[in-house]
Amino acid sequence: MMLISTTTRNREVSEEMSKLSDQSKAKRLQNSLAQVRIGQDELNLAIFPIAVLDKREQRTKRYLEFEETVEIKSGTVTRKWTISGHAKEGLPSPRDEDLYVGLMELTREQGATKKVYFSRYDLLKRLGWPINQSSYDRLEQGLLKLSSLHVNAVNAYVDSGGNPVTVGMTVIQEYKLHKENANSAPKSYIVWSDRIAQSISSQFIKRLDSSFYFDLSSPIAKRLFRYLDRRFGKDTYFFISIQKLAFEHIGLSRGIKYTSQVMQRLTPALDELVAKQFLVKWERDSNDVIHFYKNQHFGDRIQMSLPMDEVMISYEEEDLPNKEIVDNSKAVAIFNMLIKHRLMKSVAEKIVLAGIKESSLSSIEAAIAYFESLKKKKYPMSNPPGFLCHLIANGVPATPEEAVEEVESVSETEGEIALQMLEVEYMNYLDQLGETEFAKLSENRAKTLLDKKRADLLTSQHADTFKRWSASQLNEHARKMVKRDLARKAAIPFQAWCSSRGNRSGTK
């Protein structure tokens, strides 16, 4: 099989996207504007199954094993994932995995706490289960299975030095159920295991479009979506052998002997992911390898639905530039200037990478300089980040009025909606609040928080980047993140903050 570069594949995806009809683009925009439920997924639980698709194996199998071989800095390593279930009830089912996804969504909404409260009624509504006694019983059985699940993970996690380690873990440490009605306050709760709680606190998780997940029609489609969404990362192309995909990551029974039978199970799910525009297309080659092409606009649904204050609080943690940018000092300077002017990281990256490719970094610098000169003169701009993007894309105009007219004329378009910017004053409020809260800490408490934050950063999904930093850079970043955490706990929510100032522009 001839290998094709990821860059070439990504270009093919872009070409496929450009072929979408106007009707498809309009549908995508309409979907992106709908309210999206945003959840989260622990990275290893997205890669390896914790549920058994085959109903017979849920009770007959005492354990299941999955593995994959990956490349890390020190070489090739084999990661193994062994799950065992409840002595009587057996291994979790796909509906129990739905329950995990629903609980992760609640966890995110409640501030990523280890102990998560819920009402049974609300949880059933989230899962799309009927409100009846059978569902209440099913919910209790699901919690029993998830709390009894044991995972032996070999080389799936790393220590603070980035070295693979073996971890024996559970998913749910404890749960408690209260009987309540639709109007009751949530009293039931689950407590995540220490390992899952650590993954959440160290950002060893990714956002998940929960509304899309629960809209999928089959367990295989749901499992495929979570796995591929994790595997793609920032890329739009990925390939894997059919056997590895089916048996090591989706969890199909190894009793299925023929590839044709495997594809009979996978094809409807794959086609559904294309029909619902997560994938642009998928292809099977002569070597029984599947090639996946992701819709590059799919992530816009989540980005446009994030609460403004949440995006602001996560700014510094997530806004780490692409390696190609890091290796170019001029590009780094421009990237940092764009972030300073409140452009979202994904937008800043695209601008700078395009500048590197087209040798136009100097033009971007000129646009930023012009923008900054207008700000110093206090020139009125209703959408400063959007105005800056316009200057970069179209060049410096003869007069500032000319540029402002063009920017305002495209008000309410897809571009402006997709790149909804954050309010500068609220960012300043958060920064000041973080400084105030940090100053209140005792010396010992401050040291404890800083030590923990440094450890979390060095085991996070950006660990490779942080390890390249000097000790002083890492310490300064940890200090900023601790202040952000403190601000998050003490801050007035963005909409309430706007209302308290008599400004409702931030309300939806």
Protein backbone atom coordinates (compact mmCIF):
# COMPACT_ATOMS: atom_id res chain seq x y z
CA MET A 1 0.00 0.00 0.00
CA MET A 2 1.44 3.38 -0.98
CA LEU A 3 1.65 5.73 1.99
CA ILE A 4 0.23 9.21 1.50
CA SER A 5 1.27 12.05 3.78
CA THR A 6 -1.15 13.48 6.32
CA THR A 7 -0.73 16.89 4.66
CA THR A 8 -1.87 15.45 1.34
CA ARG A 9 -4.81 13.70 3.00
CA ASN A 10 -5.84 16.89 4.82
CA ARG A 11 -5.75 18.73 1.49
CA GLU A 12 -8.05 16.07 0.04
CA VAL A 13 -10.45 16.59 2.95
CA SER A 14 -10.50 20.34 2.25
CA GLU A 15 -11.26 19.63 -1.41
CA GLU A 16 -14.09 17.28 -0.43
CA MET A 17 -15.51 19.92 1.92
CA SER A 18 -15.44 22.52 -0.85
CA LYS A 19 -17.65 20.24 -2.94
CA LEU A 20 -20.46 20.35 -0.41
CA SER A 21 -23.61 21.82 -1.88
CA ASP A 22 -24.96 25.14 -0.67
CA GLN A 23 -27.79 23.20 0.91
CA SER A 24 -25.31 21.06 2.87
CA LYS A 25 -23.41 24.13 4.01
CA ALA A 26 -26.63 25.78 5.10
CA LYS A 27 -27.60 22.64 6.99
CA ARG A 28 -24.20 22.58 8.67
CA LEU A 29 -24.62 26.21 9.72
CA GLN A 30 -28.11 25.52 11.03
CA ASN A 31 -26.81 22.56 13.03
CA SER A 32 -23.92 24.60 14.38
CA LEU A 33 -26.28 27.23 15.70
CA ALA A 34 -28.38 24.70 17.59
CA GLN A 35 -27.80 24.33 21.32
CA VAL A 36 -25.08 21.73 21.79
CA ARG A 37 -24.67 19.68 24.96
CA ILE A 38 -20.98 19.63 25.75
CA GLY A 39 -19.57 16.71 27.68
CA GLN A 40 -16.10 15.27 28.13
CA ASP A 41 -14.31 11.96 27.69
CA GLU A 42 -11.34 10.47 29.54
CA LEU A 43 -8.72 9.90 26.85
CA ASN A 44 -8.03 6.21 27.51
CA LEU A 45 -11.72 5.41 27.92
CA ALA A 46 -12.22 6.88 24.46
CA ILE A 47 -9.48 4.63 23.03
CA PHE A 48 -10.35 1.36 24.77
CA PRO A 49 -13.84 -0.08 25.46
CA ILE A 50 -15.29 -0.58 28.92
CA ALA A 51 -18.51 -2.10 27.57
CA VAL A 52 -19.22 -5.35 25.75
CA LEU A 53 -21.27 -5.15 22.56
CA ASP A 54 -22.23 -8.83 22.45
CA LYS A 55 -25.08 -9.50 24.91
CA ARG A 56 -24.01 -13.09 25.54
CA GLU A 57 -20.45 -12.06 26.38
CA GLN A 58 -21.69 -9.52 28.95
CA ARG A 59 -22.49 -12.40 31.30
CA THR A 60 -20.36 -15.26 29.98
CA LYS A 61 -17.02 -13.46 29.74
CA ARG A 62 -15.18 -12.89 33.02
CA TYR A 63 -12.78 -10.43 31.42
CA LEU A 64 -11.83 -8.90 28.06
CA GLU A 65 -8.43 -7.77 26.80
CA PHE A 66 -7.54 -5.08 24.27
CA GLU A 67 -4.17 -3.78 23.13
CA GLU A 68 -2.44 -1.43 20.71
CA THR A 69 1.16 -0.60 19.81
CA VAL A 70 2.13 3.07 19.72
CA GLU A 71 5.25 5.15 19.21
CA ILE A 72 6.49 7.29 22.10
CA LYS A 73 9.72 9.22 22.67
CA SER A 74 11.55 6.21 24.09
CA GLY A 75 10.46 3.92 21.24
CA THR A 76 7.63 1.48 20.57
CA VAL A 77 5.40 0.44 23.45
CA THR A 78 2.46 -1.96 23.68
CA ARG A 79 -0.49 -0.70 25.69
CA LYS A 80 -2.80 -3.33 27.19
CA TRP A 81 -6.26 -2.79 28.63
CA THR A 82 -7.94 -5.61 30.58
CA ILE A 83 -11.43 -5.18 32.02
CA SER A 84 -13.28 -7.42 34.49
CA GLY A 85 -16.81 -6.97 35.75
CA HIS A 86 -19.28 -7.66 38.55
CA ALA A 87 -19.27 -11.24 39.81
CA LYS A 88 -23.03 -11.64 39.22
CA GLU A 89 -24.10 -8.94 36.75
CA GLY A 90 -21.06 -9.27 34.50
CA LEU A 91 -19.39 -6.68 32.29
CA PRO A 92 -20.97 -3.31 31.38
CA SER A 93 -23.22 -3.04 28.34
CA PRO A 94 -23.40 -0.21 25.76
CA ARG A 95 -26.20 1.39 27.81
CA ASP A 96 -23.84 1.45 30.79
CA GLU A 97 -21.30 3.24 28.60
CA ASP A 98 -24.06 5.75 27.76
CA LEU A 99 -24.45 6.23 31.50
CA TYR A 100 -20.72 6.97 31.80
CA VAL A 101 -21.02 9.61 29.04
CA GLY A 102 -24.02 11.20 30.76
CA LEU A 103 -22.20 11.33 34.10
CA MET A 104 -19.16 12.89 32.43
CA GLU A 105 -21.42 15.58 30.97
CA LEU A 106 -22.75 16.34 34.46
CA THR A 107 -19.20 16.38 35.81
CA ARG A 108 -18.21 19.06 33.34
CA GLU A 109 -21.27 21.15 34.16
CA GLN A 110 -20.53 20.95 37.90
CA GLY A 111 -16.96 22.20 37.57
CA ALA A 112 -15.06 18.93 37.12
CA THR A 113 -15.56 17.79 40.70
CA LYS A 114 -14.83 14.27 41.90
CA LYS A 115 -18.26 13.98 43.55
CA VAL A 116 -21.11 14.58 41.10
CA TYR A 117 -24.72 15.11 42.15
CA PHE A 118 -27.76 14.23 40.07
CA SER A 119 -31.43 13.39 40.23
CA ARG A 120 -32.43 10.08 38.69
CA TYR A 121 -35.19 11.82 36.71
CA ASP A 122 -32.82 14.35 35.13
CA LEU A 123 -30.22 11.72 34.35
CA LEU A 124 -32.79 9.54 32.57
CA LYS A 125 -33.88 12.56 30.52
CA ARG A 126 -30.27 13.22 29.50
CA LEU A 127 -29.80 9.61 28.46
CA GLY A 128 -33.03 9.61 26.49
CA TRP A 129 -34.44 6.71 28.49
CA PRO A 130 -38.18 6.49 29.23
CA ILE A 131 -39.25 7.67 32.68
CA ASN A 132 -40.52 4.42 34.17
CA GLN A 133 -39.59 1.89 36.82
CA SER A 134 -37.73 -0.27 34.34
CA SER A 135 -35.38 2.62 33.52
CA TYR A 136 -34.85 3.43 37.21
CA ASP A 137 -33.91 -0.22 37.78
CA ARG A 138 -31.66 -0.15 34.72
CA LEU A 139 -29.94 2.98 36.03
CA GLU A 140 -29.21 1.31 39.36
CA GLN A 141 -27.89 -1.80 37.62
CA GLY A 142 -25.66 0.37 35.43
CA LEU A 143 -24.13 2.12 38.42
CA LEU A 144 -23.54 -1.25 40.05
CA LYS A 145 -21.69 -2.49 36.96
CA LEU A 146 -19.62 0.67 36.52
CA SER A 147 -18.63 0.75 40.19
CA SER A 148 -17.64 -2.93 40.03
CA LEU A 149 -15.62 -2.57 36.83
CA HIS A 150 -11.88 -3.10 37.28
CA VAL A 151 -9.32 -2.09 34.67
CA ASN A 152 -5.70 -3.22 34.48
CA ALA A 153 -4.01 -0.66 32.23
CA VAL A 154 -0.47 -1.53 31.12
CA ASN A 155 1.50 1.41 29.66
CA ALA A 156 -1.71 3.37 29.10
CA TYR A 157 -0.83 6.13 31.57
CA VAL A 158 2.44 7.97 32.23
CA ASP A 159 4.17 9.33 35.32
CA SER A 160 5.32 12.93 35.81
CA GLY A 161 8.43 12.16 33.77
CA GLY A 162 6.42 10.91 30.81
CA ASN A 163 7.32 7.25 31.39
CA PRO A 164 4.63 4.59 30.79
CA VAL A 165 3.27 2.97 33.96
CA THR A 166 0.92 0.12 34.83
CA VAL A 167 -2.24 1.16 36.66
CA GLY A 168 -4.91 -0.94 38.34
CA MET A 169 -8.04 1.20 38.52
CA THR A 170 -11.79 1.46 38.80
CA VAL A 171 -14.10 4.01 37.20
CA ILE A 172 -16.64 4.83 39.91
CA GLN A 173 -15.50 4.64 43.53
CA GLU A 174 -18.89 5.10 45.20
CA TYR A 175 -22.51 5.91 44.40
CA LYS A 176 -25.64 6.71 46.35
CA LEU A 177 -29.21 6.76 45.04
CA HIS A 178 -32.15 8.68 46.50
CA LYS A 179 -35.74 8.28 45.41
CA GLU A 180 -37.07 11.59 44.16
CA ASN A 181 -39.55 13.10 41.73
CA ALA A 182 -39.14 15.53 38.84
CA ASN A 183 -39.07 18.56 41.14
CA SER A 184 -36.67 17.19 43.76
CA ALA A 185 -33.25 18.68 44.34
CA PRO A 186 -30.48 16.34 43.17
CA LYS A 187 -29.37 14.25 46.16
CA SER A 188 -28.05 11.15 44.42
CA TYR A 189 -24.36 11.18 43.61
CA ILE A 190 -21.38 9.28 42.26
CA VAL A 191 -17.75 9.63 43.28
CA TRP A 192 -15.23 9.07 40.52
CA SER A 193 -12.24 6.85 41.28
CA ASP A 194 -8.94 8.55 42.11
CA ARG A 195 -7.57 7.67 38.66
CA ILE A 196 -10.51 9.18 36.76
CA ALA A 197 -10.56 12.22 39.05
CA GLN A 198 -6.83 12.70 38.37
CA SER A 199 -7.45 12.53 34.62
CA ILE A 200 -10.14 15.19 34.94
CA SER A 201 -8.05 17.54 37.08
CA SER A 202 -4.93 17.16 34.88
CA GLN A 203 -6.95 17.66 31.68
CA PHE A 204 -6.32 14.12 30.45
CA ILE A 205 -9.73 14.50 28.87
CA LYS A 206 -11.25 15.95 25.72
CA ARG A 207 -14.51 17.73 25.03
CA LEU A 208 -17.27 15.55 23.62
CA ASP A 209 -20.32 16.62 21.64
CA SER A 210 -22.82 14.79 23.85
CA SER A 211 -25.86 15.83 21.84
CA PHE A 212 -24.32 14.30 18.72
CA TYR A 213 -23.32 11.16 20.62
CA PHE A 214 -26.80 10.52 22.00
CA ASP A 215 -28.35 11.20 18.59
CA LEU A 216 -26.48 8.27 17.04
CA SER A 217 -28.62 5.22 16.44
CA SER A 218 -26.39 2.30 17.44
CA PRO A 219 -23.79 1.35 20.07
CA ILE A 220 -21.24 0.73 17.31
CA ALA A 221 -21.76 4.23 15.86
CA LYS A 222 -21.37 5.75 19.32
CA ARG A 223 -18.22 3.80 20.05
CA LEU A 224 -16.78 4.68 16.62
CA PHE A 225 -17.54 8.36 17.16
CA ARG A 226 -15.77 8.52 20.51
CA TYR A 227 -12.76 6.57 19.26
CA LEU A 228 -12.35 8.54 16.02
CA ASP A 229 -12.98 11.88 17.72
CA ARG A 230 -10.09 11.06 20.05
CA ARG A 231 -7.82 9.70 17.32
CA PHE A 232 -8.25 12.59 14.89
CA GLY A 233 -7.09 15.22 17.36
CA LYS A 234 -6.38 18.28 15.21
CA ASP A 235 -6.02 16.23 12.03
CA THR A 236 -8.71 15.42 9.50
CA TYR A 237 -7.28 12.10 8.27
CA PHE A 238 -6.63 8.79 10.02
CA PHE A 239 -6.28 5.16 8.94
CA ILE A 240 -6.29 1.80 10.75
CA SER A 241 -6.70 -1.86 9.83
CA ILE A 242 -10.22 -3.23 10.00
CA GLN A 243 -9.25 -5.98 12.44
CA LYS A 244 -7.52 -3.63 14.89
CA LEU A 245 -10.38 -1.15 14.78
CA ALA A 246 -13.08 -3.77 15.30
CA PHE A 247 -11.47 -5.97 17.94
CA GLU A 248 -9.14 -3.65 19.90
CA HIS A 249 -11.10 -0.38 19.94
CA ILE A 250 -14.77 -0.96 19.10
CA GLY A 251 -15.07 -4.20 21.03
CA LEU A 252 -16.65 -6.47 18.44
CA SER A 253 -16.53 -10.15 19.33
CA ARG A 254 -13.37 -11.91 18.17
CA GLY A 255 -15.66 -14.81 17.32
CA ILE A 256 -16.48 -12.98 14.07
CA LYS A 257 -14.16 -14.85 11.70
CA TYR A 258 -14.37 -13.04 8.38
CA THR A 259 -13.58 -9.45 7.48
CA SER A 260 -16.73 -9.31 5.37
CA GLN A 261 -18.78 -10.09 8.49
CA VAL A 262 -16.94 -7.40 10.44
CA MET A 263 -17.72 -4.87 7.72
CA GLN A 264 -21.39 -5.85 7.81
CA ARG A 265 -21.38 -4.63 11.42
CA LEU A 266 -19.26 -1.52 10.85
CA THR A 267 -20.66 -0.18 7.57
CA PRO A 268 -24.06 1.10 8.82
CA ALA A 269 -22.33 2.95 11.66
CA LEU A 270 -19.70 4.43 9.34
CA ASP A 271 -22.35 5.55 6.88
CA GLU A 272 -24.30 7.19 9.70
CA LEU A 273 -21.23 9.20 10.72
CA VAL A 274 -20.99 10.42 7.12
CA ALA A 275 -24.71 11.16 6.85
CA LYS A 276 -24.59 13.20 10.07
CA GLN A 277 -21.48 15.05 8.83
CA PHE A 278 -18.89 13.94 11.36
CA LEU A 279 -17.01 12.25 8.52
CA VAL A 280 -16.71 13.57 4.98
CA LYS A 281 -16.14 10.02 3.76
CA TRP A 282 -14.44 6.72 4.55
CA GLU A 283 -12.67 4.27 2.24
CA ARG A 284 -11.59 0.64 2.49
CA ASP A 285 -8.47 -0.29 0.52
CA SER A 286 -7.26 -3.62 -0.87
CA ASN A 287 -5.21 -4.33 2.28
CA ASP A 288 -8.31 -4.14 4.52
CA VAL A 289 -7.34 -0.74 5.91
CA ILE A 290 -10.01 1.90 6.48
CA HIS A 291 -9.18 5.54 5.69
CA PHE A 292 -11.22 8.16 7.55
CA TYR A 293 -11.73 11.78 6.45
CA LYS A 294 -13.16 14.08 9.10
CA ASN A 295 -15.41 17.08 8.47
CA GLN A 296 -13.04 19.91 9.40
CA HIS A 297 -15.97 22.07 10.54
CA PHE A 298 -17.42 19.54 12.97
CA GLY A 299 -15.70 21.03 16.02
CA ASP A 300 -17.31 24.42 15.34
CA ARG A 301 -20.48 23.11 17.01
CA ILE A 302 -18.75 22.87 20.37
CA GLN A 303 -16.63 26.00 19.99
CA MET A 304 -19.67 28.17 19.25
CA SER A 305 -21.60 26.72 22.17
CA LEU A 306 -18.98 27.18 24.89
CA PRO A 307 -19.93 29.69 27.60
CA MET A 308 -17.86 32.82 27.08
CA ASP A 309 -16.42 32.86 30.59
CA GLU A 310 -15.38 29.21 30.33
CA VAL A 311 -13.45 29.80 27.13
CA MET A 312 -11.73 32.78 28.73
CA ILE A 313 -10.73 30.83 31.83
CA SER A 314 -9.25 28.01 29.72
CA TYR A 315 -7.38 30.41 27.42
CA GLU A 316 -3.86 30.09 28.79
CA GLU A 317 -4.04 26.33 29.33
CA GLU A 318 -5.22 25.52 25.83
CA ASP A 319 -3.50 28.21 23.82
CA LEU A 320 -0.20 26.45 23.23
CA PRO A 321 1.01 26.93 19.67
CA ASN A 322 1.54 24.31 17.01
CA LYS A 323 5.12 22.86 16.91
CA GLU A 324 5.68 24.43 13.49
CA ILE A 325 4.99 27.80 15.09
CA VAL A 326 7.15 27.09 18.17
CA ASP A 327 10.15 26.45 15.90
CA ASN A 328 9.83 29.88 14.22
CA SER A 329 10.66 32.80 16.54
CA LYS A 330 8.90 35.39 14.37
CA ALA A 331 5.81 33.19 14.15
CA VAL A 332 5.79 32.76 17.94
CA ALA A 333 5.85 36.54 18.41
CA ILE A 334 2.93 37.01 16.00
CA PHE A 335 0.98 34.14 17.57
CA ASN A 336 1.38 35.70 21.02
CA MET A 337 0.24 39.09 19.70
CA LEU A 338 -2.89 37.54 18.21
CA ILE A 339 -3.71 35.79 21.49
CA LYS A 340 -3.08 39.07 23.33
CA HIS A 341 -5.72 40.70 21.13
CA ARG A 342 -8.25 37.98 22.10
CA LEU A 343 -8.22 35.83 19.00
CA MET A 344 -9.06 32.22 19.73
CA LYS A 345 -6.10 29.85 19.61
CA SER A 346 -7.43 27.88 16.63
CA VAL A 347 -7.87 31.11 14.65
CA ALA A 348 -4.43 32.43 15.62
CA GLU A 349 -2.82 29.13 14.61
CA LYS A 350 -4.49 29.11 11.20
CA ILE A 351 -3.40 32.69 10.54
CA VAL A 352 0.23 32.10 11.53
CA LEU A 353 0.56 28.74 9.76
CA ALA A 354 -0.85 30.33 6.60
CA GLY A 355 1.66 33.16 7.03
CA ILE A 356 4.54 30.67 7.27
CA LYS A 357 3.35 28.75 4.22
CA GLU A 358 2.74 31.87 2.12
CA SER A 359 5.78 33.80 3.44
CA SER A 360 3.44 36.59 4.52
CA LEU A 361 4.33 36.97 8.21
CA SER A 362 5.49 40.54 7.58
CA SER A 363 2.06 41.43 6.16
CA ILE A 364 0.42 40.01 9.28
CA GLU A 365 2.77 42.08 11.44
CA ALA A 366 1.81 45.19 9.45
CA ALA A 367 -1.89 44.51 9.98
CA ILE A 368 -1.36 44.04 13.73
CA ALA A 369 0.67 47.25 13.93
CA TYR A 370 -2.08 49.16 12.11
CA PHE A 371 -4.72 47.65 14.40
CA GLU A 372 -2.72 48.63 17.50
CA SER A 373 -2.28 52.17 16.23
CA LEU A 374 -6.06 52.51 15.87
CA LYS A 375 -6.59 51.14 19.39
CA LYS A 376 -4.17 53.72 20.80
CA LYS A 377 -6.20 56.43 19.06
CA LYS A 378 -9.32 54.85 20.63
CA TYR A 379 -10.88 54.30 17.23
CA PRO A 380 -14.38 52.79 17.74
CA MET A 381 -14.57 49.05 16.96
CA SER A 382 -17.65 46.99 17.83
CA ASN A 383 -15.78 43.71 17.34
CA PRO A 384 -11.99 44.26 17.75
CA PRO A 385 -10.92 40.61 17.15
CA GLY A 386 -13.11 40.36 14.06
CA PHE A 387 -11.75 43.69 12.85
CA LEU A 388 -8.17 42.43 13.25
CA CYS A 389 -8.99 39.23 11.32
CA HIS A 390 -10.44 41.38 8.55
CA LEU A 391 -7.26 43.49 8.37
CA ILE A 392 -5.08 40.39 8.13
CA ALA A 393 -7.25 38.80 5.45
CA ASN A 394 -7.79 41.91 3.33
CA GLY A 395 -4.77 44.08 4.00
CA VAL A 396 -4.50 47.55 5.51
CA PRO A 397 -7.18 49.82 3.97
CA ALA A 398 -6.76 53.38 2.77
CA THR A 399 -8.86 54.60 5.71
CA PRO A 400 -10.01 52.88 8.92
CA GLU A 401 -13.63 53.79 8.10
CA GLU A 402 -13.40 51.65 4.97
CA ALA A 403 -12.41 48.56 6.96
CA VAL A 404 -15.00 49.14 9.70
CA GLU A 405 -17.79 49.43 7.12
CA GLU A 406 -16.76 46.11 5.56
CA VAL A 407 -16.57 44.33 8.93
CA GLU A 408 -19.95 45.63 10.08
CA SER A 409 -21.56 44.76 6.76
CA VAL A 410 -20.95 41.05 7.42
CA SER A 411 -22.49 41.19 10.89
CA GLU A 412 -24.31 37.98 11.88
CA THR A 413 -22.60 35.89 9.19
CA GLU A 414 -21.26 32.41 9.83
CA GLY A 415 -17.73 33.69 10.26
CA GLU A 416 -18.69 36.13 13.00
CA ILE A 417 -20.88 33.60 14.78
CA ALA A 418 -18.21 30.90 14.58
CA LEU A 419 -15.58 33.26 15.98
CA GLN A 420 -17.65 34.85 18.72
CA MET A 421 -15.08 36.77 20.70
CA LEU A 422 -14.73 37.32 24.38
CA GLU A 423 -15.19 40.61 26.20
CA VAL A 424 -11.94 42.30 27.25
CA GLU A 425 -13.36 43.86 30.40
CA TYR A 426 -14.48 40.52 31.79
CA MET A 427 -11.04 39.06 31.11
CA ASN A 428 -9.51 41.92 33.08
CA TYR A 429 -12.01 41.29 35.88
CA LEU A 430 -10.93 37.63 36.04
CA ASP A 431 -7.25 38.55 36.03
CA GLN A 432 -7.71 41.01 38.89
CA LEU A 433 -9.85 38.55 40.84
CA GLY A 434 -7.21 35.84 40.44
CA GLU A 435 -4.53 38.18 41.77
CA THR A 436 -6.72 39.10 44.75
CA GLU A 437 -7.59 35.50 45.62
CA PHE A 438 -3.97 34.35 45.26
CA ALA A 439 -2.80 37.11 47.61
CA LYS A 440 -5.15 35.74 50.29
CA LEU A 441 -3.41 32.33 50.35
CA SER A 442 -0.98 31.36 53.07
CA GLU A 443 2.55 30.59 51.92
CA ASN A 444 2.07 26.85 52.50
CA ARG A 445 -1.26 26.76 50.68
CA ALA A 446 0.17 28.66 47.71
CA LYS A 447 3.13 26.26 47.51
CA THR A 448 0.82 23.23 47.64
CA LEU A 449 -1.35 24.55 44.81
CA LEU A 450 1.65 25.50 42.67
CA ASP A 451 3.33 22.11 43.16
CA LYS A 452 0.13 20.29 42.21
CA LYS A 453 -0.43 22.48 39.16
CA ARG A 454 3.12 21.87 37.90
CA ALA A 455 2.64 18.12 38.31
CA ASP A 456 -0.71 18.30 36.48
CA LEU A 457 0.82 20.26 33.60
CA LEU A 458 3.64 17.73 33.20
CA THR A 459 1.17 14.85 32.86
CA SER A 460 -1.40 16.71 30.74
CA GLN A 461 -2.02 16.28 27.01
CA HIS A 462 0.45 19.17 26.46
CA ALA A 463 3.21 17.54 28.53
CA ASP A 464 5.69 17.44 25.64
CA THR A 465 5.42 21.20 25.24
CA PHE A 466 5.75 21.93 28.96
CA LYS A 467 8.84 19.72 29.24
CA ARG A 468 10.62 21.90 26.69
CA TRP A 469 10.10 24.97 28.87
CA SER A 470 12.62 26.29 31.38
CA ALA A 471 11.84 25.93 35.09
CA SER A 472 11.03 29.64 35.34
CA GLN A 473 8.63 29.48 32.37
CA LEU A 474 6.85 26.46 33.84
CA ASN A 475 6.62 28.08 37.28
CA GLU A 476 5.18 31.27 35.81
CA HIS A 477 2.60 29.35 33.78
CA ALA A 478 1.63 27.27 36.83
CA ARG A 479 1.18 30.47 38.83
CA LYS A 480 -1.08 31.93 36.13
CA MET A 481 -3.15 28.75 36.00
CA VAL A 482 -3.57 28.63 39.79
CA LYS A 483 -4.80 32.23 39.69
CA ARG A 484 -7.23 31.27 36.93
CA ASP A 485 -8.52 28.35 39.01
CA LEU A 486 -9.05 30.64 41.98
CA ALA A 487 -10.82 33.19 39.79
CA ARG A 488 -13.07 30.50 38.38
CA LYS A 489 -14.28 29.52 41.85
CA ALA A 490 -14.85 33.10 43.00
CA ALA A 491 -16.04 34.75 39.79
CA ILE A 492 -19.53 35.99 39.01
CA PRO A 493 -20.75 34.13 35.88
CA PHE A 494 -20.37 36.17 32.71
CA GLN A 495 -24.07 36.83 32.14
CA ALA A 496 -24.65 37.84 35.77
CA TRP A 497 -21.58 40.08 35.56
CA CYS A 498 -23.04 41.77 32.47
CA SER A 499 -26.41 42.23 34.18
CA SER A 500 -24.81 43.73 37.29
CA ARG A 501 -23.25 46.38 35.07
CA GLY A 502 -26.50 47.03 33.25
CA ASN A 503 -25.02 45.46 30.11
CA ARG A 504 -26.94 42.54 28.63
CA SER A 505 -24.93 42.19 25.47
CA GLY A 506 -23.47 38.95 26.75
CA THR A 507 -26.80 37.24 27.41
CA LYS A 508 -28.22 34.73 24.99
